[in-house]
Amino acid sequence: MDPAVEDRLPEARTLEAAGLRIAVTHHQRGGPTGLSLFGLERGADLVVSGHTHQPSVTQTEDAVLLNPGSHADPRGNPAAHAELSPMDGGVRGEIRTREGSVLRSFRVEGR
């Protein structure tokens, strides 16, 4: 949401990595349902979003929804980020605090 660069970036992007289709956006209206539909429209295994600054991982029927939180501006949430490591057929992930403590571990496997 940096005004100096936001006009040059797409609102959403879909990419392939580690055998997964990943949909990325800052904000999608409709909360988890809106994010699920956003991912479904793109055939995504993993949907990464921000906006709320609240770190979370939610497994839906269609995809894993990941909000890594905010490292720099947590707004009352733990200062956090996500780390993803490739594994056969997907990724292993962790949401970590600024200090390195693991808040949540998860896996995302491709279809």
PDB file of N, CA and C in Angstrom:
ATOM      1  N   MET A   1       0.820  -1.200   0.000  1.00  0.00           N
ATOM      2  CA  MET A   1       0.000   0.000   0.000  1.00  0.00           C
ATOM      3  C   MET A   1       0.858   1.255   0.000  1.00  0.00           C
ATOM      4  N   ASP A   2       2.074   1.144  -0.485  1.00  0.00           N
ATOM      5  CA  ASP A   2       2.965   2.297  -0.593  1.00  0.00           C
ATOM      6  C   ASP A   2       2.569   3.103  -1.827  1.00  0.00           C
ATOM      7  N   PRO A   3       2.088   4.337  -1.657  1.00  0.00           N
ATOM      8  CA  PRO A   3       1.646   5.140  -2.806  1.00  0.00           C
ATOM      9  C   PRO A   3       2.725   5.327  -3.866  1.00  0.00           C
ATOM     10  N   ALA A   4       3.981   5.245  -3.474  1.00  0.00           N
ATOM     11  CA  ALA A   4       5.072   5.431  -4.434  1.00  0.00           C
ATOM     12  C   ALA A   4       5.157   4.291  -5.449  1.00  0.00           C
ATOM     13  N   VAL A   5       4.629   3.114  -5.094  1.00  0.00           N
ATOM     14  CA  VAL A   5       4.723   1.975  -6.020  1.00  0.00           C
ATOM     15  C   VAL A   5       3.382   1.330  -6.363  1.00  0.00           C
ATOM     16  N   GLU A   6       2.338   1.596  -5.608  1.00  0.00           N
ATOM     17  CA  GLU A   6       1.099   0.852  -5.820  1.00  0.00           C
ATOM     18  C   GLU A   6       0.491   1.049  -7.204  1.00  0.00           C
ATOM     19  N   ASP A   7       0.693   2.194  -7.833  1.00  0.00           N
ATOM     20  CA  ASP A   7       0.159   2.412  -9.179  1.00  0.00           C
ATOM     21  C   ASP A   7       0.870   1.565 -10.230  1.00  0.00           C
ATOM     22  N   ARG A   8       2.060   1.079  -9.918  1.00  0.00           N
ATOM     23  CA  ARG A   8       2.824   0.279 -10.869  1.00  0.00           C
ATOM     24  C   ARG A   8       2.638  -1.220 -10.679  1.00  0.00           C
ATOM     25  N   LEU A   9       1.910  -1.618  -9.657  1.00  0.00           N
ATOM     26  CA  LEU A   9       1.713  -3.032  -9.369  1.00  0.00           C
ATOM     27  C   LEU A   9       0.290  -3.463  -9.715  1.00  0.00           C
ATOM     28  N   PRO A  10       0.118  -4.698 -10.188  1.00  0.00           N
ATOM     29  CA  PRO A  10      -1.236  -5.181 -10.448  1.00  0.00           C
ATOM     30  C   PRO A  10      -1.997  -5.388  -9.138  1.00  0.00           C
ATOM     31  N   GLU A  11      -3.328  -5.298  -9.193  1.00  0.00           N
ATOM     32  CA  GLU A  11      -4.134  -5.545  -7.991  1.00  0.00           C
ATOM     33  C   GLU A  11      -4.060  -7.005  -7.574  1.00  0.00           C
ATOM     34  N   ALA A  12      -3.853  -7.883  -8.536  1.00  0.00           N
ATOM     35  CA  ALA A  12      -3.780  -9.312  -8.266  1.00  0.00           C
ATOM     36  C   ALA A  12      -2.825  -9.949  -9.266  1.00  0.00           C
ATOM     37  N   ARG A  13      -2.267 -11.071  -8.845  1.00  0.00           N
ATOM     38  CA  ARG A  13      -1.362 -11.798  -9.723  1.00  0.00           C
ATOM     39  C   ARG A  13      -1.495 -13.279  -9.417  1.00  0.00           C
ATOM     40  N   THR A  14      -1.336 -14.102 -10.427  1.00  0.00           N
ATOM     41  CA  THR A  14      -1.341 -15.549 -10.255  1.00  0.00           C
ATOM     42  C   THR A  14      -0.018 -16.076 -10.800  1.00  0.00           C
ATOM     43  N   LEU A  15       0.619 -16.950 -10.038  1.00  0.00           N
ATOM     44  CA  LEU A  15       1.902 -17.488 -10.465  1.00  0.00           C
ATOM     45  C   LEU A  15       2.000 -18.962 -10.121  1.00  0.00           C
ATOM     46  N   GLU A  16       2.987 -19.620 -10.703  1.00  0.00           N
ATOM     47  CA  GLU A  16       3.250 -21.028 -10.435  1.00  0.00           C
ATOM     48  C   GLU A  16       4.593 -21.127  -9.731  1.00  0.00           C
ATOM     49  N   ALA A  17       4.648 -21.885  -8.647  1.00  0.00           N
ATOM     50  CA  ALA A  17       5.902 -22.109  -7.919  1.00  0.00           C
ATOM     51  C   ALA A  17       5.755 -23.382  -7.096  1.00  0.00           C
ATOM     52  N   ALA A  18       6.814 -24.155  -7.020  1.00  0.00           N
ATOM     53  CA  ALA A  18       6.876 -25.371  -6.186  1.00  0.00           C
ATOM     54  C   ALA A  18       5.707 -26.321  -6.463  1.00  0.00           C
ATOM     55  N   GLY A  19       5.266 -26.374  -7.716  1.00  0.00           N
ATOM     56  CA  GLY A  19       4.160 -27.260  -8.073  1.00  0.00           C
ATOM     57  C   GLY A  19       2.793 -26.741  -7.673  1.00  0.00           C
ATOM     58  N   LEU A  20       2.715 -25.481  -7.274  1.00  0.00           N
ATOM     59  CA  LEU A  20       1.447 -24.883  -6.846  1.00  0.00           C
ATOM     60  C   LEU A  20       1.063 -23.738  -7.761  1.00  0.00           C
ATOM     61  N   ARG A  21      -0.231 -23.490  -7.829  1.00  0.00           N
ATOM     62  CA  ARG A  21      -0.745 -22.271  -8.445  1.00  0.00           C
ATOM     63  C   ARG A  21      -1.097 -21.347  -7.278  1.00  0.00           C
ATOM     64  N   ILE A  22      -0.504 -20.147  -7.280  1.00  0.00           N
ATOM     65  CA  ILE A  22      -0.624 -19.215  -6.158  1.00  0.00           C
ATOM     66  C   ILE A  22      -1.252 -17.916  -6.643  1.00  0.00           C
ATOM     67  N   ALA A  23      -2.340 -17.510  -6.012  1.00  0.00           N
ATOM     68  CA  ALA A  23      -3.007 -16.240  -6.331  1.00  0.00           C
ATOM     69  C   ALA A  23      -2.668 -15.250  -5.211  1.00  0.00           C
ATOM     70  N   VAL A  24      -2.265 -14.040  -5.598  1.00  0.00           N
ATOM     71  CA  VAL A  24      -1.809 -13.038  -4.636  1.00  0.00           C
ATOM     72  C   VAL A  24      -2.586 -11.744  -4.843  1.00  0.00           C
ATOM     73  N   THR A  25      -3.050 -11.154  -3.747  1.00  0.00           N
ATOM     74  CA  THR A  25      -3.713  -9.856  -3.785  1.00  0.00           C
ATOM     75  C   THR A  25      -3.534  -9.191  -2.424  1.00  0.00           C
ATOM     76  N   HIS A  26      -3.652  -7.885  -2.383  1.00  0.00           N
ATOM     77  CA  HIS A  26      -3.599  -7.213  -1.088  1.00  0.00           C
ATOM     78  C   HIS A  26      -4.936  -7.343  -0.370  1.00  0.00           C
ATOM     79  N   HIS A  27      -6.020  -7.131  -1.095  1.00  0.00           N
ATOM     80  CA  HIS A  27      -7.353  -7.083  -0.481  1.00  0.00           C
ATOM     81  C   HIS A  27      -8.380  -7.647  -1.442  1.00  0.00           C
ATOM     82  N   GLN A  28      -9.310  -8.405  -0.912  1.00  0.00           N
ATOM     83  CA  GLN A  28     -10.428  -8.921  -1.694  1.00  0.00           C
ATOM     84  C   GLN A  28     -11.678  -8.762  -0.844  1.00  0.00           C
ATOM     85  N   ARG A  29     -12.660  -8.065  -1.358  1.00  0.00           N
ATOM     86  CA  ARG A  29     -13.902  -7.889  -0.602  1.00  0.00           C
ATOM     87  C   ARG A  29     -14.573  -9.238  -0.343  1.00  0.00           C
ATOM     88  N   GLY A  30     -15.262  -9.335   0.771  1.00  0.00           N
ATOM     89  CA  GLY A  30     -16.016 -10.542   1.083  1.00  0.00           C
ATOM     90  C   GLY A  30     -15.329 -11.474   2.060  1.00  0.00           C
ATOM     91  N   GLY A  31     -14.222 -11.042   2.660  1.00  0.00           N
ATOM     92  CA  GLY A  31     -13.542 -11.858   3.662  1.00  0.00           C
ATOM     93  C   GLY A  31     -13.108 -13.206   3.125  1.00  0.00           C
ATOM     94  N   PRO A  32     -13.131 -14.248   3.966  1.00  0.00           N
ATOM     95  CA  PRO A  32     -12.679 -15.568   3.538  1.00  0.00           C
ATOM     96  C   PRO A  32     -13.465 -16.114   2.338  1.00  0.00           C
ATOM     97  N   THR A  33     -14.755 -15.833   2.274  1.00  0.00           N
ATOM     98  CA  THR A  33     -15.541 -16.298   1.130  1.00  0.00           C
ATOM     99  C   THR A  33     -15.074 -15.625  -0.153  1.00  0.00           C
ATOM    100  N   GLY A  34     -14.858 -14.320  -0.099  1.00  0.00           N
ATOM    101  CA  GLY A  34     -14.357 -13.588  -1.258  1.00  0.00           C
ATOM    102  C   GLY A  34     -12.984 -14.073  -1.685  1.00  0.00           C
ATOM    103  N   LEU A  35     -12.107 -14.343  -0.715  1.00  0.00           N
ATOM    104  CA  LEU A  35     -10.777 -14.857  -1.036  1.00  0.00           C
ATOM    105  C   LEU A  35     -10.853 -16.262  -1.623  1.00  0.00           C
ATOM    106  N   SER A  36     -11.744 -17.094  -1.100  1.00  0.00           N
ATOM    107  CA  SER A  36     -11.929 -18.435  -1.657  1.00  0.00           C
ATOM    108  C   SER A  36     -12.385 -18.364  -3.108  1.00  0.00           C
ATOM    109  N   LEU A  37     -13.337 -17.488  -3.389  1.00  0.00           N
ATOM    110  CA  LEU A  37     -13.822 -17.330  -4.763  1.00  0.00           C
ATOM    111  C   LEU A  37     -12.729 -16.768  -5.666  1.00  0.00           C
ATOM    112  N   PHE A  38     -11.953 -15.821  -5.169  1.00  0.00           N
ATOM    113  CA  PHE A  38     -10.815 -15.266  -5.896  1.00  0.00           C
ATOM    114  C   PHE A  38      -9.853 -16.387  -6.291  1.00  0.00           C
ATOM    115  N   GLY A  39      -9.548 -17.268  -5.337  1.00  0.00           N
ATOM    116  CA  GLY A  39      -8.666 -18.399  -5.625  1.00  0.00           C
ATOM    117  C   GLY A  39      -9.280 -19.401  -6.571  1.00  0.00           C
ATOM    118  N   LEU A  40     -10.553 -19.680  -6.394  1.00  0.00           N
ATOM    119  CA  LEU A  40     -11.253 -20.635  -7.255  1.00  0.00           C
ATOM    120  C   LEU A  40     -11.268 -20.158  -8.707  1.00  0.00           C
ATOM    121  N   GLU A  41     -11.519 -18.866  -8.903  1.00  0.00           N
ATOM    122  CA  GLU A  41     -11.510 -18.295 -10.257  1.00  0.00           C
ATOM    123  C   GLU A  41     -10.159 -18.472 -10.935  1.00  0.00           C
ATOM    124  N   ARG A  42      -9.093 -18.537 -10.154  1.00  0.00           N
ATOM    125  CA  ARG A  42      -7.737 -18.636 -10.705  1.00  0.00           C
ATOM    126  C   ARG A  42      -7.166 -20.049 -10.617  1.00  0.00           C
ATOM    127  N   GLY A  43      -7.954 -20.993 -10.106  1.00  0.00           N
ATOM    128  CA  GLY A  43      -7.469 -22.364  -9.965  1.00  0.00           C
ATOM    129  C   GLY A  43      -6.320 -22.480  -8.971  1.00  0.00           C
ATOM    130  N   ALA A  44      -6.332 -21.649  -7.941  1.00  0.00           N
ATOM    131  CA  ALA A  44      -5.214 -21.564  -7.000  1.00  0.00           C
ATOM    132  C   ALA A  44      -5.279 -22.638  -5.909  1.00  0.00           C
ATOM    133  N   ASP A  45      -4.092 -23.122  -5.556  1.00  0.00           N
ATOM    134  CA  ASP A  45      -3.936 -24.001  -4.397  1.00  0.00           C
ATOM    135  C   ASP A  45      -3.714 -23.175  -3.134  1.00  0.00           C
ATOM    136  N   LEU A  46      -3.099 -22.000  -3.320  1.00  0.00           N
ATOM    137  CA  LEU A  46      -2.753 -21.109  -2.219  1.00  0.00           C
ATOM    138  C   LEU A  46      -3.151 -19.687  -2.599  1.00  0.00           C
ATOM    139  N   VAL A  47      -3.857 -19.008  -1.689  1.00  0.00           N
ATOM    140  CA  VAL A  47      -4.240 -17.604  -1.885  1.00  0.00           C
ATOM    141  C   VAL A  47      -3.534 -16.795  -0.798  1.00  0.00           C
ATOM    142  N   VAL A  48      -2.704 -15.840  -1.212  1.00  0.00           N
ATOM    143  CA  VAL A  48      -1.974 -14.996  -0.276  1.00  0.00           C
ATOM    144  C   VAL A  48      -2.572 -13.596  -0.340  1.00  0.00           C
ATOM    145  N   SER A  49      -2.946 -13.069   0.822  1.00  0.00           N
ATOM    146  CA  SER A  49      -3.533 -11.730   0.879  1.00  0.00           C
ATOM    147  C   SER A  49      -2.984 -10.992   2.091  1.00  0.00           C
ATOM    148  N   GLY A  50      -3.313  -9.739   2.186  1.00  0.00           N
ATOM    149  CA  GLY A  50      -2.867  -8.930   3.313  1.00  0.00           C
ATOM    150  C   GLY A  50      -4.048  -8.170   3.880  1.00  0.00           C
ATOM    151  N   HIS A  51      -3.966  -6.885   3.886  1.00  0.00           N
ATOM    152  CA  HIS A  51      -4.996  -5.931   4.253  1.00  0.00           C
ATOM    153  C   HIS A  51      -5.298  -5.884   5.752  1.00  0.00           C
ATOM    154  N   THR A  52      -5.616  -7.018   6.377  1.00  0.00           N
ATOM    155  CA  THR A  52      -6.013  -6.981   7.786  1.00  0.00           C
ATOM    156  C   THR A  52      -4.821  -6.900   8.737  1.00  0.00           C
ATOM    157  N   HIS A  53      -3.633  -7.225   8.260  1.00  0.00           N
ATOM    158  CA  HIS A  53      -2.409  -7.248   9.076  1.00  0.00           C
ATOM    159  C   HIS A  53      -2.474  -8.332  10.142  1.00  0.00           C
ATOM    160  N   GLN A  54      -3.471  -9.208  10.075  1.00  0.00           N
ATOM    161  CA  GLN A  54      -3.634 -10.274  11.060  1.00  0.00           C
ATOM    162  C   GLN A  54      -3.141 -11.593  10.477  1.00  0.00           C
ATOM    163  N   PRO A  55      -2.048 -12.147  11.007  1.00  0.00           N
ATOM    164  CA  PRO A  55      -1.527 -13.395  10.456  1.00  0.00           C
ATOM    165  C   PRO A  55      -2.518 -14.535  10.652  1.00  0.00           C
ATOM    166  N   SER A  56      -2.760 -15.286   9.562  1.00  0.00           N
ATOM    167  CA  SER A  56      -3.693 -16.406   9.655  1.00  0.00           C
ATOM    168  C   SER A  56      -3.482 -17.380   8.506  1.00  0.00           C
ATOM    169  N   VAL A  57      -3.901 -18.610   8.745  1.00  0.00           N
ATOM    170  CA  VAL A  57      -3.937 -19.651   7.720  1.00  0.00           C
ATOM    171  C   VAL A  57      -5.286 -20.334   7.866  1.00  0.00           C
ATOM    172  N   THR A  58      -6.020 -20.413   6.756  1.00  0.00           N
ATOM    173  CA  THR A  58      -7.331 -21.051   6.765  1.00  0.00           C
ATOM    174  C   THR A  58      -7.392 -22.060   5.628  1.00  0.00           C
ATOM    175  N   GLN A  59      -7.718 -23.290   5.958  1.00  0.00           N
ATOM    176  CA  GLN A  59      -7.881 -24.328   4.938  1.00  0.00           C
ATOM    177  C   GLN A  59      -9.340 -24.336   4.501  1.00  0.00           C
ATOM    178  N   THR A  60      -9.597 -24.099   3.216  1.00  0.00           N
ATOM    179  CA  THR A  60     -10.948 -24.198   2.694  1.00  0.00           C
ATOM    180  C   THR A  60     -11.026 -25.449   1.829  1.00  0.00           C
ATOM    181  N   GLU A  61     -12.187 -25.730   1.331  1.00  0.00           N
ATOM    182  CA  GLU A  61     -12.366 -26.886   0.457  1.00  0.00           C
ATOM    183  C   GLU A  61     -11.523 -26.758  -0.813  1.00  0.00           C
ATOM    184  N   ASP A  62     -11.317 -25.525  -1.275  1.00  0.00           N
ATOM    185  CA  ASP A  62     -10.658 -25.310  -2.555  1.00  0.00           C
ATOM    186  C   ASP A  62      -9.205 -24.865  -2.460  1.00  0.00           C
ATOM    187  N   ALA A  63      -8.798 -24.203  -1.384  1.00  0.00           N
ATOM    188  CA  ALA A  63      -7.448 -23.647  -1.309  1.00  0.00           C
ATOM    189  C   ALA A  63      -7.083 -23.334   0.140  1.00  0.00           C
ATOM    190  N   VAL A  64      -5.808 -23.063   0.348  1.00  0.00           N
ATOM    191  CA  VAL A  64      -5.332 -22.560   1.627  1.00  0.00           C
ATOM    192  C   VAL A  64      -5.260 -21.042   1.507  1.00  0.00           C
ATOM    193  N   LEU A  65      -5.848 -20.338   2.476  1.00  0.00           N
ATOM    194  CA  LEU A  65      -5.823 -18.876   2.510  1.00  0.00           C
ATOM    195  C   LEU A  65      -4.763 -18.452   3.513  1.00  0.00           C
ATOM    196  N   LEU A  66      -3.781 -17.677   3.055  1.00  0.00           N
ATOM    197  CA  LEU A  66      -2.681 -17.250   3.904  1.00  0.00           C
ATOM    198  C   LEU A  66      -2.620 -15.736   3.976  1.00  0.00           C
ATOM    199  N   ASN A  67      -2.661 -15.214   5.187  1.00  0.00           N
ATOM    200  CA  ASN A  67      -2.365 -13.809   5.426  1.00  0.00           C
ATOM    201  C   ASN A  67      -1.121 -13.815   6.307  1.00  0.00           C
ATOM    202  N   PRO A  68       0.038 -13.397   5.762  1.00  0.00           N
ATOM    203  CA  PRO A  68       1.267 -13.465   6.539  1.00  0.00           C
ATOM    204  C   PRO A  68       1.365 -12.428   7.652  1.00  0.00           C
ATOM    205  N   GLY A  69       0.400 -11.525   7.738  1.00  0.00           N
ATOM    206  CA  GLY A  69       0.465 -10.466   8.733  1.00  0.00           C
ATOM    207  C   GLY A  69       1.336  -9.336   8.231  1.00  0.00           C
ATOM    208  N   SER A  70       1.797  -8.503   9.127  1.00  0.00           N
ATOM    209  CA  SER A  70       2.656  -7.383   8.771  1.00  0.00           C
ATOM    210  C   SER A  70       3.868  -7.366   9.685  1.00  0.00           C
ATOM    211  N   HIS A  71       5.017  -7.320   9.079  1.00  0.00           N
ATOM    212  CA  HIS A  71       6.263  -7.272   9.837  1.00  0.00           C
ATOM    213  C   HIS A  71       6.523  -5.864  10.362  1.00  0.00           C
ATOM    214  N   ALA A  72       6.164  -4.867   9.546  1.00  0.00           N
ATOM    215  CA  ALA A  72       6.515  -3.482   9.877  1.00  0.00           C
ATOM    216  C   ALA A  72       5.399  -2.703  10.574  1.00  0.00           C
ATOM    217  N   ASP A  73       4.143  -3.026  10.266  1.00  0.00           N
ATOM    218  CA  ASP A  73       3.016  -2.253  10.800  1.00  0.00           C
ATOM    219  C   ASP A  73       1.910  -3.203  11.253  1.00  0.00           C
ATOM    220  N   PRO A  74       2.102  -3.914  12.368  1.00  0.00           N
ATOM    221  CA  PRO A  74       1.163  -4.963  12.756  1.00  0.00           C
ATOM    222  C   PRO A  74      -0.204  -4.501  13.254  1.00  0.00           C
ATOM    223  N   ARG A  75      -0.357  -3.232  13.583  1.00  0.00           N
ATOM    224  CA  ARG A  75      -1.651  -2.680  14.009  1.00  0.00           C
ATOM    225  C   ARG A  75      -2.348  -3.510  15.084  1.00  0.00           C
ATOM    226  N   GLY A  76      -1.637  -3.785  16.154  1.00  0.00           N
ATOM    227  CA  GLY A  76      -2.225  -4.510  17.282  1.00  0.00           C
ATOM    228  C   GLY A  76      -2.132  -6.023  17.178  1.00  0.00           C
ATOM    229  N   ASN A  77      -1.690  -6.541  16.050  1.00  0.00           N
ATOM    230  CA  ASN A  77      -1.474  -7.974  15.864  1.00  0.00           C
ATOM    231  C   ASN A  77       0.000  -8.266  16.109  1.00  0.00           C
ATOM    232  N   PRO A  78       0.364  -9.532  16.244  1.00  0.00           N
ATOM    233  CA  PRO A  78       1.790  -9.822  16.355  1.00  0.00           C
ATOM    234  C   PRO A  78       2.517  -9.421  15.064  1.00  0.00           C
ATOM    235  N   ALA A  79       3.685  -8.809  15.173  1.00  0.00           N
ATOM    236  CA  ALA A  79       4.494  -8.513  13.991  1.00  0.00           C
ATOM    237  C   ALA A  79       4.935  -9.856  13.421  1.00  0.00           C
ATOM    238  N   ALA A  80       4.539 -10.145  12.179  1.00  0.00           N
ATOM    239  CA  ALA A  80       4.753 -11.483  11.645  1.00  0.00           C
ATOM    240  C   ALA A  80       5.026 -11.462  10.153  1.00  0.00           C
ATOM    241  N   HIS A  81       5.491 -12.601   9.675  1.00  0.00           N
ATOM    242  CA  HIS A  81       5.705 -12.842   8.248  1.00  0.00           C
ATOM    243  C   HIS A  81       5.565 -14.341   8.007  1.00  0.00           C
ATOM    244  N   ALA A  82       5.446 -14.737   6.748  1.00  0.00           N
ATOM    245  CA  ALA A  82       5.357 -16.156   6.404  1.00  0.00           C
ATOM    246  C   ALA A  82       6.629 -16.585   5.700  1.00  0.00           C
ATOM    247  N   GLU A  83       7.057 -17.808   5.982  1.00  0.00           N
ATOM    248  CA  GLU A  83       8.181 -18.426   5.297  1.00  0.00           C
ATOM    249  C   GLU A  83       7.671 -19.703   4.642  1.00  0.00           C
ATOM    250  N   LEU A  84       7.931 -19.847   3.344  1.00  0.00           N
ATOM    251  CA  LEU A  84       7.518 -21.021   2.586  1.00  0.00           C
ATOM    252  C   LEU A  84       8.753 -21.749   2.086  1.00  0.00           C
ATOM    253  N   SER A  85       8.771 -23.071   2.237  1.00  0.00           N
ATOM    254  CA  SER A  85       9.876 -23.902   1.767  1.00  0.00           C
ATOM    255  C   SER A  85       9.323 -24.975   0.850  1.00  0.00           C
ATOM    256  N   PRO A  86       9.913 -25.143  -0.339  1.00  0.00           N
ATOM    257  CA  PRO A  86       9.414 -26.158  -1.258  1.00  0.00           C
ATOM    258  C   PRO A  86       9.591 -27.566  -0.699  1.00  0.00           C
ATOM    259  N   MET A  87       8.646 -28.419  -1.032  1.00  0.00           N
ATOM    260  CA  MET A  87       8.720 -29.848  -0.732  1.00  0.00           C
ATOM    261  C   MET A  87       8.101 -30.564  -1.929  1.00  0.00           C
ATOM    262  N   ASP A  88       8.201 -31.852  -1.991  1.00  0.00           N
ATOM    263  CA  ASP A  88       7.610 -32.579  -3.110  1.00  0.00           C
ATOM    264  C   ASP A  88       6.126 -32.280  -3.209  1.00  0.00           C
ATOM    265  N   GLY A  89       5.706 -31.704  -4.340  1.00  0.00           N
ATOM    266  CA  GLY A  89       4.296 -31.466  -4.595  1.00  0.00           C
ATOM    267  C   GLY A  89       3.682 -30.289  -3.863  1.00  0.00           C
ATOM    268  N   GLY A  90       4.486 -29.388  -3.326  1.00  0.00           N
ATOM    269  CA  GLY A  90       3.914 -28.237  -2.642  1.00  0.00           C
ATOM    270  C   GLY A  90       4.914 -27.483  -1.807  1.00  0.00           C
ATOM    271  N   VAL A  91       4.417 -26.903  -0.707  1.00  0.00           N
ATOM    272  CA  VAL A  91       5.284 -26.150   0.195  1.00  0.00           C
ATOM    273  C   VAL A  91       4.949 -26.469   1.648  1.00  0.00           C
ATOM    274  N   ARG A  92       5.934 -26.279   2.471  1.00  0.00           N
ATOM    275  CA  ARG A  92       5.789 -26.311   3.920  1.00  0.00           C
ATOM    276  C   ARG A  92       5.889 -24.852   4.338  1.00  0.00           C
ATOM    277  N   GLY A  93       5.029 -24.423   5.235  1.00  0.00           N
ATOM    278  CA  GLY A  93       5.038 -23.020   5.611  1.00  0.00           C
ATOM    279  C   GLY A  93       4.973 -22.803   7.101  1.00  0.00           C
ATOM    280  N   GLU A  94       5.438 -21.623   7.493  1.00  0.00           N
ATOM    281  CA  GLU A  94       5.356 -21.190   8.882  1.00  0.00           C
ATOM    282  C   GLU A  94       5.043 -19.704   8.913  1.00  0.00           C
ATOM    283  N   ILE A  95       4.203 -19.318   9.839  1.00  0.00           N
ATOM    284  CA  ILE A  95       4.046 -17.904  10.158  1.00  0.00           C
ATOM    285  C   ILE A  95       4.902 -17.681  11.393  1.00  0.00           C
ATOM    286  N   ARG A  96       5.834 -16.714  11.286  1.00  0.00           N
ATOM    287  CA  ARG A  96       6.788 -16.450  12.359  1.00  0.00           C
ATOM    288  C   ARG A  96       6.670 -15.015  12.851  1.00  0.00           C
ATOM    289  N   THR A  97       6.947 -14.827  14.128  1.00  0.00           N
ATOM    290  CA  THR A  97       7.006 -13.481  14.696  1.00  0.00           C
ATOM    291  C   THR A  97       8.293 -12.806  14.235  1.00  0.00           C
ATOM    292  N   ARG A  98       8.372 -11.531  14.468  1.00  0.00           N
ATOM    293  CA  ARG A  98       9.580 -10.767  14.146  1.00  0.00           C
ATOM    294  C   ARG A  98      10.808 -11.379  14.838  1.00  0.00           C
ATOM    295  N   GLU A  99      10.601 -11.923  16.029  1.00  0.00           N
ATOM    296  CA  GLU A  99      11.702 -12.514  16.795  1.00  0.00           C
ATOM    297  C   GLU A  99      12.034 -13.932  16.342  1.00  0.00           C
ATOM    298  N   GLY A 100      11.192 -14.535  15.499  1.00  0.00           N
ATOM    299  CA  GLY A 100      11.466 -15.870  14.964  1.00  0.00           C
ATOM    300  C   GLY A 100      10.642 -16.994  15.542  1.00  0.00           C
ATOM    301  N   SER A 101       9.795 -16.725  16.543  1.00  0.00           N
ATOM    302  CA  SER A 101       8.937 -17.777  17.097  1.00  0.00           C
ATOM    303  C   SER A 101       7.890 -18.190  16.063  1.00  0.00           C
ATOM    304  N   VAL A 102       7.584 -19.480  16.014  1.00  0.00           N
ATOM    305  CA  VAL A 102       6.585 -19.995  15.078  1.00  0.00           C
ATOM    306  C   VAL A 102       5.196 -19.834  15.686  1.00  0.00           C
ATOM    307  N   LEU A 103       4.330 -19.096  14.988  1.00  0.00           N
ATOM    308  CA  LEU A 103       2.938 -18.933  15.411  1.00  0.00           C
ATOM    309  C   LEU A 103       2.071 -20.056  14.851  1.00  0.00           C
ATOM    310  N   ARG A 104       2.403 -20.490  13.638  1.00  0.00           N
ATOM    311  CA  ARG A 104       1.577 -21.505  12.978  1.00  0.00           C
ATOM    312  C   ARG A 104       2.406 -22.201  11.907  1.00  0.00           C
ATOM    313  N   SER A 105       2.303 -23.516  11.818  1.00  0.00           N
ATOM    314  CA  SER A 105       2.916 -24.302  10.758  1.00  0.00           C
ATOM    315  C   SER A 105       1.810 -24.856   9.885  1.00  0.00           C
ATOM    316  N   PHE A 106       2.086 -25.012   8.590  1.00  0.00           N
ATOM    317  CA  PHE A 106       1.079 -25.525   7.663  1.00  0.00           C
ATOM    318  C   PHE A 106       1.764 -26.117   6.437  1.00  0.00           C
ATOM    319  N   ARG A 107       0.990 -26.840   5.641  1.00  0.00           N
ATOM    320  CA  ARG A 107       1.451 -27.408   4.379  1.00  0.00           C
ATOM    321  C   ARG A 107       0.426 -27.090   3.307  1.00  0.00           C
ATOM    322  N   VAL A 108       0.902 -26.912   2.106  1.00  0.00           N
ATOM    323  CA  VAL A 108       0.023 -26.724   0.952  1.00  0.00           C
ATOM    324  C   VAL A 108       0.506 -27.696  -0.113  1.00  0.00           C
ATOM    325  N   GLU A 109      -0.394 -28.564  -0.546  1.00  0.00           N
ATOM    326  CA  GLU A 109      -0.049 -29.523  -1.584  1.00  0.00           C
ATOM    327  C   GLU A 109      -0.820 -29.215  -2.848  1.00  0.00           C
ATOM    328  N   GLY A 110      -0.153 -29.391  -3.992  1.00  0.00           N
ATOM    329  CA  GLY A 110      -0.798 -29.169  -5.279  1.00  0.00           C
ATOM    330  C   GLY A 110      -1.830 -30.251  -5.573  1.00  0.00           C
ATOM    331  N   ARG A 111      -2.646 -29.970  -6.533  1.00  0.00           N
ATOM    332  CA  ARG A 111      -3.685 -30.944  -6.896  1.00  0.00           C
ATOM    333  C   ARG A 111      -3.170 -31.995  -7.825  1.00  0.00           C
TER     334      ARG A 111
END
